[in-house]
Amino acid sequence: MKEIERINHVGLRVTDLEVTDLSSVQAQLEAMNYTVTEGPIVTPEGASFIFIGDPDDNVIEFHMPAAT
C-alpha cells in the first residue's frame, strides 16, 4: 500500500463565524475553557471580533457586524 504524504500549506487557516451577541459567545467559550487569544477588537465602524485557536493551530474568528 502506498503511503500518503501529508502536504503542509503555508498561509493562514482561519474560520470566520458571524454571531449576533459576541459577549455571550465569549462567555460560553470561556466557560468551556477556550482561551480568547485576541480581542475583543472593536473597529471604528462598530464591528467586534474575538479569536481563539483550535488544537490544530487553526484560528477561529467570531465577529459581530456593526449595528446598522
Protein backbone atom coordinates (compact mmCIF):
# COMPACT_ATOMS: atom_id res chain seq x y z
CA MET A 1 0.00 0.00 0.00
CA LYS A 2 1.37 3.41 -0.96
CA GLU A 3 1.99 5.79 1.92
CA ILE A 4 0.17 9.10 1.61
CA GLU A 5 2.38 12.13 2.11
CA ARG A 6 0.92 14.90 4.21
CA ILE A 7 1.20 18.25 2.48
CA ASN A 8 1.62 21.34 4.62
CA HIS A 9 0.27 24.51 3.08
CA VAL A 10 1.81 27.80 4.06
CA GLY A 11 -0.66 30.54 4.89
CA LEU A 12 -3.47 31.44 7.17
CA ARG A 13 -6.03 28.89 8.24
CA VAL A 14 -8.97 30.87 9.55
CA THR A 15 -12.62 30.02 10.07
CA ASP A 16 -14.81 33.09 10.41
CA LEU A 17 -18.18 32.84 12.16
CA GLU A 18 -20.67 35.70 12.32
CA VAL A 19 -22.57 35.99 15.60
CA THR A 20 -25.30 38.26 16.94
CA ASP A 21 -24.05 38.52 20.55
CA LEU A 22 -20.27 38.46 20.84
CA SER A 23 -20.21 38.91 24.62
CA SER A 24 -22.39 35.84 25.07
CA VAL A 25 -20.23 33.78 22.71
CA GLN A 26 -17.08 34.85 24.58
CA ALA A 27 -18.64 33.87 27.92
CA GLN A 28 -19.67 30.47 26.52
CA LEU A 29 -16.19 29.83 25.10
CA GLU A 30 -14.50 30.76 28.37
CA ALA A 31 -16.94 28.53 30.29
CA MET A 32 -15.73 25.65 28.07
CA ASN A 33 -12.08 26.55 28.89
CA TYR A 34 -11.25 28.05 25.50
CA THR A 35 -8.80 30.92 25.69
CA VAL A 36 -9.55 34.03 23.70
CA THR A 37 -6.20 34.68 22.02
CA GLU A 38 -7.05 38.15 20.76
CA GLY A 39 -9.82 40.63 21.33
CA PRO A 40 -12.33 41.79 21.73
CA ILE A 41 -11.37 44.21 18.97
CA VAL A 42 -13.85 46.92 18.04
CA THR A 43 -13.48 48.73 14.71
CA PRO A 44 -14.30 52.44 14.33
CA GLU A 45 -17.47 51.37 12.49
CA GLY A 46 -18.56 49.28 15.48
CA ALA A 47 -17.88 45.71 14.34
CA SER A 48 -16.39 43.45 17.05
CA PHE A 49 -14.04 40.46 16.83
CA ILE A 50 -12.55 37.77 19.08
CA PHE A 51 -10.20 34.95 18.14
CA ILE A 52 -9.45 31.51 19.55
CA GLY A 53 -7.12 28.72 18.43
CA ASP A 54 -8.10 25.10 17.90
CA PRO A 55 -5.95 22.03 18.70
CA ASP A 56 -4.58 22.01 15.12
CA ASP A 57 -3.36 25.62 15.35
CA ASN A 58 -6.15 26.96 13.16
CA VAL A 59 -7.61 30.34 14.02
CA ILE A 60 -11.33 30.67 14.66
CA GLU A 61 -12.69 34.19 14.39
CA PHE A 62 -16.03 35.22 15.80
CA HIS A 63 -17.32 38.54 14.57
CA MET A 64 -20.36 40.66 15.20
CA PRO A 65 -21.10 43.19 12.46
CA ALA A 66 -21.64 46.83 13.27
CA ALA A 67 -25.23 47.79 14.03
CA THR A 68 -26.99 49.28 11.04
